[in-house]
Amino acid sequence: MLERITLLVTFWLALGFVLAYAQNRDQPPSPVRPLEGSDIFQDFCASCHGRDGRGKGPVSRDLKQAVPDLTKLSRQNGGTFPASRVRSKLMFGGDQPSPAHGSKAMPVWGPIFHQIEFDQDLGNVRLENVTRYLESIQRK
């Protein structure tokens, strides 16, 4: 009798796993957000700042104020890339209101970067990678 019960339980568990697997196979995979700095920039920043970071993205002409040229951040900071200021701007939108749209015109990407994927919070990785990418595109 015990063998029969064990066999039935095993059968129902196996059937449950098969049905769950088949049901999940029909659903599209959840979107995977990029981790590479250049990909993050293209996905989240290029619409305003342009693919090259110079402030001429397709949305820039519709804004109230010129979009900053992100390739000049080091030059505007005495030759040193302002990494902590860039990270803060990305995470919190900056301290000062932006004249382009009023208060905090640039979207605050921090919470989006920190969405949980595969039981991991990769937000700090994304933040660091996009910051390094911006440092890599600085012009002399």
Protein backbone atom coordinates (compact mmCIF):
# COMPACT_ATOMS: atom_id res chain seq x y z
CA MET A 1 0.00 0.00 0.00
CA LEU A 2 2.80 2.41 0.86
CA GLU A 3 4.45 1.77 -2.50
CA ARG A 4 1.21 2.62 -4.27
CA ILE A 5 0.83 5.92 -2.40
CA THR A 6 4.47 6.80 -3.11
CA LEU A 7 3.96 6.02 -6.78
CA LEU A 8 0.80 8.20 -6.97
CA VAL A 9 2.47 11.12 -5.19
CA THR A 10 5.49 10.86 -7.48
CA PHE A 11 3.20 10.75 -10.54
CA TRP A 12 1.25 13.86 -9.48
CA LEU A 13 4.41 15.79 -8.63
CA ALA A 14 5.97 14.88 -11.98
CA LEU A 15 2.76 15.86 -13.80
CA GLY A 16 2.71 19.18 -11.96
CA PHE A 17 6.31 19.93 -12.96
CA VAL A 18 5.65 19.01 -16.59
CA LEU A 19 2.56 21.21 -16.76
CA ALA A 20 4.34 24.13 -15.10
CA TYR A 21 7.27 23.80 -17.50
CA ALA A 22 4.98 23.63 -20.54
CA GLN A 23 3.02 26.65 -19.37
CA ASN A 24 6.17 28.74 -18.81
CA ARG A 25 7.65 27.77 -22.19
CA ASP A 26 4.81 29.56 -23.99
CA GLN A 27 5.48 32.83 -22.18
CA PRO A 28 8.10 35.20 -23.57
CA PRO A 29 11.22 35.44 -21.45
CA SER A 30 11.38 38.35 -19.05
CA PRO A 31 13.37 41.25 -20.46
CA VAL A 32 17.01 41.29 -19.53
CA ARG A 33 18.39 44.73 -18.98
CA PRO A 34 21.88 45.37 -20.29
CA LEU A 35 24.93 45.46 -18.06
CA GLU A 36 27.40 47.02 -20.51
CA GLY A 37 27.82 50.77 -20.03
CA SER A 38 27.52 51.58 -23.73
CA ASP A 39 24.32 49.52 -24.04
CA ILE A 40 22.82 51.16 -20.96
CA PHE A 41 23.66 54.57 -22.39
CA GLN A 42 22.03 53.73 -25.74
CA ASP A 43 18.90 52.38 -24.05
CA PHE A 44 18.38 55.08 -21.43
CA CYS A 45 20.33 58.21 -22.38
CA ALA A 46 20.79 58.47 -26.14
CA SER A 47 17.27 59.69 -26.87
CA CYS A 48 18.18 63.02 -25.26
CA HIS A 49 22.00 63.06 -25.17
CA GLY A 50 22.51 61.48 -28.62
CA ARG A 51 24.23 58.23 -29.49
CA ASP A 52 27.59 60.01 -29.20
CA GLY A 53 26.72 61.79 -25.92
CA ARG A 54 27.02 65.28 -27.39
CA GLY A 55 23.47 66.37 -26.54
CA LYS A 56 21.81 66.07 -29.92
CA GLY A 57 19.46 63.12 -29.45
CA PRO A 58 16.12 63.00 -31.26
CA VAL A 59 14.22 64.21 -28.18
CA SER A 60 16.61 67.10 -27.47
CA ARG A 61 14.96 69.51 -29.92
CA ASP A 62 11.67 69.24 -27.99
CA LEU A 63 13.17 70.24 -24.65
CA LYS A 64 13.13 73.75 -23.20
CA GLN A 65 16.90 73.92 -22.76
CA ALA A 66 19.88 72.43 -24.59
CA VAL A 67 20.82 68.95 -23.40
CA PRO A 68 24.33 68.83 -21.90
CA ASP A 69 27.19 67.47 -23.96
CA LEU A 70 28.34 64.56 -21.80
CA THR A 71 31.66 64.33 -23.63
CA LYS A 72 32.76 67.60 -21.96
CA LEU A 73 32.22 66.66 -18.32
CA SER A 74 35.94 66.32 -17.56
CA ARG A 75 36.80 69.56 -19.34
CA GLN A 76 34.12 71.39 -17.34
CA ASN A 77 35.51 69.91 -14.12
CA GLY A 78 39.13 71.04 -14.42
CA GLY A 79 40.26 67.98 -16.39
CA THR A 80 38.98 65.41 -13.88
CA PHE A 81 35.97 63.25 -14.61
CA PRO A 82 33.31 63.96 -11.91
CA ALA A 83 32.36 60.31 -11.32
CA SER A 84 30.60 60.83 -7.99
CA ARG A 85 28.52 63.70 -9.39
CA VAL A 86 27.57 61.56 -12.41
CA ARG A 87 26.53 58.65 -10.17
CA SER A 88 24.47 60.98 -7.99
CA LYS A 89 22.75 62.51 -11.00
CA LEU A 90 21.89 59.07 -12.35
CA MET A 91 20.64 57.75 -9.01
CA PHE A 92 18.78 60.74 -7.64
CA GLY A 93 18.36 63.19 -10.51
CA GLY A 94 20.69 65.74 -8.93
CA ASP A 95 20.11 68.33 -6.23
CA GLN A 96 19.25 71.30 -8.41
CA PRO A 97 16.10 71.67 -10.48
CA SER A 98 16.81 71.59 -14.20
CA PRO A 99 15.63 74.54 -16.30
CA ALA A 100 14.90 72.15 -19.17
CA HIS A 101 11.69 70.82 -17.62
CA GLY A 102 11.60 72.35 -14.19
CA SER A 103 12.43 70.14 -11.25
CA LYS A 104 14.54 67.05 -12.04
CA ALA A 105 14.01 67.00 -15.81
CA MET A 106 16.32 64.07 -16.35
CA PRO A 107 14.61 60.83 -15.39
CA VAL A 108 15.93 59.24 -12.24
CA TRP A 109 17.35 55.94 -13.51
CA GLY A 110 18.56 54.57 -10.18
CA PRO A 111 15.38 52.66 -9.26
CA ILE A 112 15.19 51.22 -12.79
CA PHE A 113 18.82 50.12 -12.66
CA HIS A 114 18.11 48.44 -9.30
CA GLN A 115 15.17 46.29 -10.38
CA ILE A 116 15.66 42.71 -9.26
CA GLU A 117 16.58 40.22 -11.97
CA PHE A 118 17.27 36.56 -11.40
CA ASP A 119 17.23 37.17 -7.64
CA GLN A 120 20.00 39.78 -7.97
CA ASP A 121 20.13 43.53 -7.67
CA LEU A 122 22.53 44.57 -10.43
CA GLY A 123 21.86 48.29 -10.04
CA ASN A 124 25.29 49.19 -8.69
CA VAL A 125 26.93 47.26 -11.51
CA ARG A 126 24.87 49.17 -14.10
CA LEU A 127 25.53 52.47 -12.38
CA GLU A 128 29.28 51.89 -12.32
CA ASN A 129 29.36 50.64 -15.93
CA VAL A 130 27.48 53.61 -17.37
CA THR A 131 29.65 55.98 -15.32
CA ARG A 132 32.80 54.35 -16.71
CA TYR A 133 31.35 54.52 -20.21
CA LEU A 134 30.75 58.25 -19.82
CA GLU A 135 34.32 58.64 -18.61
CA SER A 136 35.53 56.76 -21.70
CA ILE A 137 33.83 59.18 -24.13
CA GLN A 138 35.37 62.36 -22.69
CA ARG A 139 36.95 64.67 -25.27
CA LYS A 140 40.14 66.62 -24.61
